[in-house]
Amino acid sequence: MTIVKVRAPARPYRCGTIPAAPPEIMLPQVPLPLLPPLLPLNLALSRLMRGIVARHPAILRRLGPHATARILLDVTDAPFPLLFEPARQRVSAHRRATLPTADAVIRGKLAAFLAMLHGGVDGDALFFSGALAISGDTAAVLALRNALDDAELDLSEELLALSGRAAPVLQPALALVARRTGLALSRQEGLA
């Protein structure tokens, strides 16, 4: 819990007197927005990652020596940056105050990440336009982008594959979210 110093309101000023400095009050600061626990989120993300690797094993082969790279996906309009560790088949969310070490960082908005993943916008165009920025091991980032391009992943299909009996309910929900937000939650052929 963080403690914040807050000044109490000053007493009314009377003519001929000097107002006293207001005393400091110690109040707890609640982080806004309240963030969900990371453990359930990390378990779900890693399960999704293991499912993707099981259905698309060529991704790890395509990464070659870069499969051991730790790549931070800093989705700037999301509450948590994601650490992608392909060789460990793990994706983990982290609080911005305690970012893990990474070999490379890709930074940008969620829409740009999803557009690149689903082939809606060319990855090079996203990087050259500044919609996505990279730092660190650019060879690892390039290998990851090429591996994902070759796999032609569809996030909606991956989520439906993991959802089992909930798939009939999840499918229209994903379509509704895509329509309402404009985010590319599935692969759209012919857009790139």
C-alpha atoms as a PDB file:
ATOM      1  CA  MET A   1       0.000   0.000   0.000  1.00  0.00           C
ATOM      2  CA  THR A   2       1.308   3.453  -0.906  1.00  0.00           C
ATOM      3  CA  ILE A   3       0.912   6.357   1.474  1.00  0.00           C
ATOM      4  CA  VAL A   4       0.219   9.791   0.052  1.00  0.00           C
ATOM      5  CA  LYS A   5       0.592  13.096   1.866  1.00  0.00           C
ATOM      6  CA  VAL A   6      -2.487  15.314   1.546  1.00  0.00           C
ATOM      7  CA  ARG A   7      -2.752  18.833   2.882  1.00  0.00           C
ATOM      8  CA  ALA A   8      -5.815  19.641   4.967  1.00  0.00           C
ATOM      9  CA  PRO A   9      -7.816  22.700   3.878  1.00  0.00           C
ATOM     10  CA  ALA A  10      -6.476  25.986   5.271  1.00  0.00           C
ATOM     11  CA  ARG A  11      -8.374  27.865   7.961  1.00  0.00           C
ATOM     12  CA  PRO A  12     -10.257  30.927   6.765  1.00  0.00           C
ATOM     13  CA  TYR A  13      -8.045  33.999   6.434  1.00  0.00           C
ATOM     14  CA  ARG A  14      -8.810  36.825   8.843  1.00  0.00           C
ATOM     15  CA  CYS A  15      -7.664  40.332   8.140  1.00  0.00           C
ATOM     16  CA  GLY A  16      -4.477  41.098  10.017  1.00  0.00           C
ATOM     17  CA  THR A  17      -3.457  37.476  10.688  1.00  0.00           C
ATOM     18  CA  ILE A  18      -1.150  35.165   8.777  1.00  0.00           C
ATOM     19  CA  PRO A  19      -2.779  31.850   7.862  1.00  0.00           C
ATOM     20  CA  ALA A  20      -1.074  28.801   9.356  1.00  0.00           C
ATOM     21  CA  ALA A  21       0.294  26.168   7.016  1.00  0.00           C
ATOM     22  CA  PRO A  22      -2.178  23.279   6.807  1.00  0.00           C
ATOM     23  CA  PRO A  23      -1.047  20.076   8.534  1.00  0.00           C
ATOM     24  CA  GLU A  24      -0.197  16.986   6.474  1.00  0.00           C
ATOM     25  CA  ILE A  25      -2.535  14.006   6.635  1.00  0.00           C
ATOM     26  CA  MET A  26      -1.375  10.496   5.731  1.00  0.00           C
ATOM     27  CA  LEU A  27      -3.883   8.573   3.595  1.00  0.00           C
ATOM     28  CA  PRO A  28      -3.528   5.218   1.845  1.00  0.00           C
ATOM     29  CA  GLN A  29      -3.580   5.419  -1.934  1.00  0.00           C
ATOM     30  CA  VAL A  30      -5.562   2.738  -3.753  1.00  0.00           C
ATOM     31  CA  PRO A  31      -4.166   2.040  -7.234  1.00  0.00           C
ATOM     32  CA  LEU A  32      -6.670   2.882  -9.933  1.00  0.00           C
ATOM     33  CA  PRO A  33      -7.904   0.924 -11.662  1.00  0.00           C
ATOM     34  CA  LEU A  34      -7.838  -1.999  -9.263  1.00  0.00           C
ATOM     35  CA  LEU A  35      -6.022  -4.705 -11.155  1.00  0.00           C
ATOM     36  CA  PRO A  36      -7.014  -8.375 -11.092  1.00  0.00           C
ATOM     37  CA  PRO A  37      -4.730 -10.956  -9.511  1.00  0.00           C
ATOM     38  CA  LEU A  38      -1.950 -11.960 -11.878  1.00  0.00           C
ATOM     39  CA  LEU A  39      -1.845 -15.683 -11.033  1.00  0.00           C
ATOM     40  CA  PRO A  40      -5.126 -16.681 -12.769  1.00  0.00           C
ATOM     41  CA  LEU A  41      -4.289 -14.442 -15.727  1.00  0.00           C
ATOM     42  CA  ASN A  42      -0.809 -15.951 -16.071  1.00  0.00           C
ATOM     43  CA  LEU A  43      -2.162 -19.500 -15.871  1.00  0.00           C
ATOM     44  CA  ALA A  44      -4.655 -18.738 -18.639  1.00  0.00           C
ATOM     45  CA  LEU A  45      -2.039 -17.028 -20.826  1.00  0.00           C
ATOM     46  CA  SER A  46       0.432 -19.898 -20.466  1.00  0.00           C
ATOM     47  CA  ARG A  47      -2.303 -22.432 -21.229  1.00  0.00           C
ATOM     48  CA  LEU A  48      -3.113 -20.465 -24.383  1.00  0.00           C
ATOM     49  CA  MET A  49       0.592 -20.407 -25.315  1.00  0.00           C
ATOM     50  CA  ARG A  50       0.985 -24.171 -24.792  1.00  0.00           C
ATOM     51  CA  GLY A  51      -2.113 -24.772 -26.942  1.00  0.00           C
ATOM     52  CA  ILE A  52      -0.745 -22.585 -29.738  1.00  0.00           C
ATOM     53  CA  VAL A  53       2.625 -24.381 -29.693  1.00  0.00           C
ATOM     54  CA  ALA A  54       0.878 -27.780 -29.678  1.00  0.00           C
ATOM     55  CA  ARG A  55      -1.230 -26.836 -32.710  1.00  0.00           C
ATOM     56  CA  HIS A  56       1.577 -24.945 -34.485  1.00  0.00           C
ATOM     57  CA  PRO A  57       4.893 -26.622 -33.524  1.00  0.00           C
ATOM     58  CA  ALA A  58       6.647 -25.018 -36.505  1.00  0.00           C
ATOM     59  CA  ILE A  59       6.652 -21.701 -34.620  1.00  0.00           C
ATOM     60  CA  LEU A  60       9.419 -22.874 -32.278  1.00  0.00           C
ATOM     61  CA  ARG A  61      11.395 -24.457 -35.129  1.00  0.00           C
ATOM     62  CA  ARG A  62      11.121 -21.241 -37.126  1.00  0.00           C
ATOM     63  CA  LEU A  63      12.439 -19.201 -34.182  1.00  0.00           C
ATOM     64  CA  GLY A  64      15.602 -21.320 -34.122  1.00  0.00           C
ATOM     65  CA  PRO A  65      18.170 -19.931 -31.659  1.00  0.00           C
ATOM     66  CA  HIS A  66      15.811 -17.043 -30.826  1.00  0.00           C
ATOM     67  CA  ALA A  67      13.318 -19.433 -29.174  1.00  0.00           C
ATOM     68  CA  THR A  68      15.096 -18.806 -25.860  1.00  0.00           C
ATOM     69  CA  ALA A  69      14.745 -15.019 -26.143  1.00  0.00           C
ATOM     70  CA  ARG A  70      12.573 -13.210 -23.601  1.00  0.00           C
ATOM     71  CA  ILE A  71      10.444 -10.686 -25.454  1.00  0.00           C
ATOM     72  CA  LEU A  72       8.377  -8.117 -23.594  1.00  0.00           C
ATOM     73  CA  LEU A  73       5.167  -7.144 -25.367  1.00  0.00           C
ATOM     74  CA  ASP A  74       4.407  -3.725 -23.905  1.00  0.00           C
ATOM     75  CA  VAL A  75       0.792  -3.214 -24.929  1.00  0.00           C
ATOM     76  CA  THR A  76       0.553   0.455 -23.991  1.00  0.00           C
ATOM     77  CA  ASP A  77      -3.242   0.594 -23.745  1.00  0.00           C
ATOM     78  CA  ALA A  78      -3.536  -2.559 -21.619  1.00  0.00           C
ATOM     79  CA  PRO A  79      -2.966  -2.787 -17.879  1.00  0.00           C
ATOM     80  CA  PHE A  80      -0.218  -5.413 -18.061  1.00  0.00           C
ATOM     81  CA  PRO A  81       2.852  -5.833 -20.280  1.00  0.00           C
ATOM     82  CA  LEU A  82       3.324  -9.475 -21.342  1.00  0.00           C
ATOM     83  CA  LEU A  83       6.591 -11.399 -21.212  1.00  0.00           C
ATOM     84  CA  PHE A  84       6.750 -13.915 -24.056  1.00  0.00           C
ATOM     85  CA  GLU A  85       9.098 -16.875 -23.512  1.00  0.00           C
ATOM     86  CA  PRO A  86       8.683 -19.213 -26.511  1.00  0.00           C
ATOM     87  CA  ALA A  87      11.059 -22.025 -25.449  1.00  0.00           C
ATOM     88  CA  ARG A  88       9.351 -22.232 -22.048  1.00  0.00           C
ATOM     89  CA  GLN A  89       5.928 -22.063 -23.753  1.00  0.00           C
ATOM     90  CA  ARG A  90       4.976 -19.316 -21.361  1.00  0.00           C
ATOM     91  CA  VAL A  91       3.405 -15.883 -21.509  1.00  0.00           C
ATOM     92  CA  SER A  92       3.169 -13.947 -18.260  1.00  0.00           C
ATOM     93  CA  ALA A  93       1.597 -10.629 -17.333  1.00  0.00           C
ATOM     94  CA  HIS A  94       3.505  -8.194 -15.135  1.00  0.00           C
ATOM     95  CA  ARG A  95       2.737  -4.986 -13.326  1.00  0.00           C
ATOM     96  CA  ARG A  96       4.352  -1.940 -14.909  1.00  0.00           C
ATOM     97  CA  ALA A  97       6.097  -1.114 -11.625  1.00  0.00           C
ATOM     98  CA  THR A  98       7.981  -4.446 -11.670  1.00  0.00           C
ATOM     99  CA  LEU A  99       8.884  -5.154 -15.284  1.00  0.00           C
ATOM    100  CA  PRO A 100      11.010  -8.263 -15.849  1.00  0.00           C
ATOM    101  CA  THR A 101      14.275  -8.243 -17.764  1.00  0.00           C
ATOM    102  CA  ALA A 102      13.885  -8.999 -21.447  1.00  0.00           C
ATOM    103  CA  ASP A 103      16.109  -9.455 -24.482  1.00  0.00           C
ATOM    104  CA  ALA A 104      13.803  -7.326 -26.604  1.00  0.00           C
ATOM    105  CA  VAL A 105      10.768  -5.089 -26.184  1.00  0.00           C
ATOM    106  CA  ILE A 106       7.941  -4.484 -28.650  1.00  0.00           C
ATOM    107  CA  ARG A 107       5.826  -1.480 -27.648  1.00  0.00           C
ATOM    108  CA  GLY A 108       2.531  -0.342 -29.126  1.00  0.00           C
ATOM    109  CA  LYS A 109      -1.239  -0.374 -28.876  1.00  0.00           C
ATOM    110  CA  LEU A 110      -3.298  -3.565 -28.752  1.00  0.00           C
ATOM    111  CA  ALA A 111      -4.861  -2.849 -32.150  1.00  0.00           C
ATOM    112  CA  ALA A 112      -1.402  -2.761 -33.771  1.00  0.00           C
ATOM    113  CA  PHE A 113      -0.330  -6.059 -32.164  1.00  0.00           C
ATOM    114  CA  LEU A 114      -3.566  -7.780 -33.245  1.00  0.00           C
ATOM    115  CA  ALA A 115      -3.378  -6.339 -36.778  1.00  0.00           C
ATOM    116  CA  MET A 116       0.152  -7.720 -37.145  1.00  0.00           C
ATOM    117  CA  LEU A 117      -0.782 -11.107 -35.641  1.00  0.00           C
ATOM    118  CA  HIS A 118      -3.742 -11.545 -37.972  1.00  0.00           C
ATOM    119  CA  GLY A 119      -2.076 -10.189 -41.112  1.00  0.00           C
ATOM    120  CA  GLY A 120      -4.441  -7.209 -41.294  1.00  0.00           C
ATOM    121  CA  VAL A 121      -1.505  -4.808 -41.632  1.00  0.00           C
ATOM    122  CA  ASP A 122       2.022  -5.605 -42.789  1.00  0.00           C
ATOM    123  CA  GLY A 123       4.389  -5.893 -39.834  1.00  0.00           C
ATOM    124  CA  ASP A 124       7.073  -3.789 -41.543  1.00  0.00           C
ATOM    125  CA  ALA A 125       4.548  -1.001 -42.119  1.00  0.00           C
ATOM    126  CA  LEU A 126       3.604  -1.072 -38.413  1.00  0.00           C
ATOM    127  CA  PHE A 127       7.261  -0.781 -37.381  1.00  0.00           C
ATOM    128  CA  PHE A 128       8.207   1.898 -39.931  1.00  0.00           C
ATOM    129  CA  SER A 129       5.132   3.997 -39.102  1.00  0.00           C
ATOM    130  CA  GLY A 130       5.950   3.894 -35.394  1.00  0.00           C
ATOM    131  CA  ALA A 131       2.710   2.079 -34.494  1.00  0.00           C
ATOM    132  CA  LEU A 132       4.982  -0.601 -33.046  1.00  0.00           C
ATOM    133  CA  ALA A 133       8.434   0.214 -31.685  1.00  0.00           C
ATOM    134  CA  ILE A 134      11.186  -2.271 -30.919  1.00  0.00           C
ATOM    135  CA  SER A 135      14.282  -2.128 -28.773  1.00  0.00           C
ATOM    136  CA  GLY A 136      16.870  -4.684 -27.792  1.00  0.00           C
ATOM    137  CA  ASP A 137      17.498  -7.836 -29.841  1.00  0.00           C
ATOM    138  CA  THR A 138      15.905  -6.913 -33.168  1.00  0.00           C
ATOM    139  CA  ALA A 139      16.902 -10.266 -34.698  1.00  0.00           C
ATOM    140  CA  ALA A 140      14.748 -12.056 -32.100  1.00  0.00           C
ATOM    141  CA  VAL A 141      11.812  -9.738 -32.831  1.00  0.00           C
ATOM    142  CA  LEU A 142      12.174 -10.307 -36.573  1.00  0.00           C
ATOM    143  CA  ALA A 143      12.343 -14.090 -36.080  1.00  0.00           C
ATOM    144  CA  LEU A 144       9.208 -13.972 -33.919  1.00  0.00           C
ATOM    145  CA  ARG A 145       7.321 -11.867 -36.431  1.00  0.00           C
ATOM    146  CA  ASN A 146       8.289 -14.205 -39.298  1.00  0.00           C
ATOM    147  CA  ALA A 147       7.327 -17.301 -37.261  1.00  0.00           C
ATOM    148  CA  LEU A 148       3.923 -15.821 -36.446  1.00  0.00           C
ATOM    149  CA  ASP A 149       3.376 -14.754 -40.072  1.00  0.00           C
ATOM    150  CA  ASP A 150       4.137 -18.287 -41.281  1.00  0.00           C
ATOM    151  CA  ALA A 151       1.824 -19.865 -38.675  1.00  0.00           C
ATOM    152  CA  GLU A 152      -1.113 -17.673 -39.792  1.00  0.00           C
ATOM    153  CA  LEU A 153      -2.503 -17.687 -36.256  1.00  0.00           C
ATOM    154  CA  ASP A 154      -6.093 -16.769 -35.535  1.00  0.00           C
ATOM    155  CA  LEU A 155      -6.572 -15.689 -31.917  1.00  0.00           C
ATOM    156  CA  SER A 156     -10.305 -16.426 -31.966  1.00  0.00           C
ATOM    157  CA  GLU A 157      -9.713 -19.974 -33.240  1.00  0.00           C
ATOM    158  CA  GLU A 158      -7.035 -20.544 -30.589  1.00  0.00           C
ATOM    159  CA  LEU A 159      -9.347 -19.356 -27.810  1.00  0.00           C
ATOM    160  CA  LEU A 160     -12.220 -21.480 -29.137  1.00  0.00           C
ATOM    161  CA  ALA A 161      -9.959 -24.553 -29.297  1.00  0.00           C
ATOM    162  CA  LEU A 162      -9.137 -24.123 -25.601  1.00  0.00           C
ATOM    163  CA  SER A 163     -12.678 -23.346 -24.475  1.00  0.00           C
ATOM    164  CA  GLY A 164     -14.105 -26.843 -25.034  1.00  0.00           C
ATOM    165  CA  ARG A 165     -17.845 -26.915 -24.353  1.00  0.00           C
ATOM    166  CA  ALA A 166     -17.938 -23.136 -23.916  1.00  0.00           C
ATOM    167  CA  ALA A 167     -17.021 -22.613 -27.602  1.00  0.00           C
ATOM    168  CA  PRO A 168     -20.646 -22.158 -28.783  1.00  0.00           C
ATOM    169  CA  VAL A 169     -21.060 -19.322 -26.272  1.00  0.00           C
ATOM    170  CA  LEU A 170     -17.599 -17.848 -26.719  1.00  0.00           C
ATOM    171  CA  GLN A 171     -17.704 -17.632 -30.525  1.00  0.00           C
ATOM    172  CA  PRO A 172     -20.544 -15.070 -30.774  1.00  0.00           C
ATOM    173  CA  ALA A 173     -19.067 -13.183 -27.796  1.00  0.00           C
ATOM    174  CA  LEU A 174     -15.720 -12.815 -29.594  1.00  0.00           C
ATOM    175  CA  ALA A 175     -17.494 -11.672 -32.765  1.00  0.00           C
ATOM    176  CA  LEU A 176     -19.444  -9.088 -30.762  1.00  0.00           C
ATOM    177  CA  VAL A 177     -16.280  -7.778 -29.081  1.00  0.00           C
ATOM    178  CA  ALA A 178     -14.569  -7.511 -32.485  1.00  0.00           C
ATOM    179  CA  ARG A 179     -17.521  -5.582 -33.948  1.00  0.00           C
ATOM    180  CA  ARG A 180     -17.875  -3.227 -30.981  1.00  0.00           C
ATOM    181  CA  THR A 181     -14.164  -2.473 -30.565  1.00  0.00           C
ATOM    182  CA  GLY A 182     -12.915  -2.696 -34.132  1.00  0.00           C
ATOM    183  CA  LEU A 183     -10.070  -4.964 -32.969  1.00  0.00           C
ATOM    184  CA  ALA A 184      -8.902  -7.722 -35.318  1.00  0.00           C
ATOM    185  CA  LEU A 185      -9.595 -10.775 -33.144  1.00  0.00           C
ATOM    186  CA  SER A 186      -9.405 -13.191 -36.074  1.00  0.00           C
ATOM    187  CA  ARG A 187      -7.539 -13.585 -39.335  1.00  0.00           C
ATOM    188  CA  GLN A 188      -9.068 -11.702 -42.246  1.00  0.00           C
ATOM    189  CA  GLU A 189      -7.796 -13.095 -45.531  1.00  0.00           C
ATOM    190  CA  GLY A 190      -6.804 -10.619 -48.209  1.00  0.00           C
ATOM    191  CA  LEU A 191      -6.257  -7.619 -45.908  1.00  0.00           C
ATOM    192  CA  ALA A 192      -2.480  -7.584 -45.877  1.00  0.00           C
END
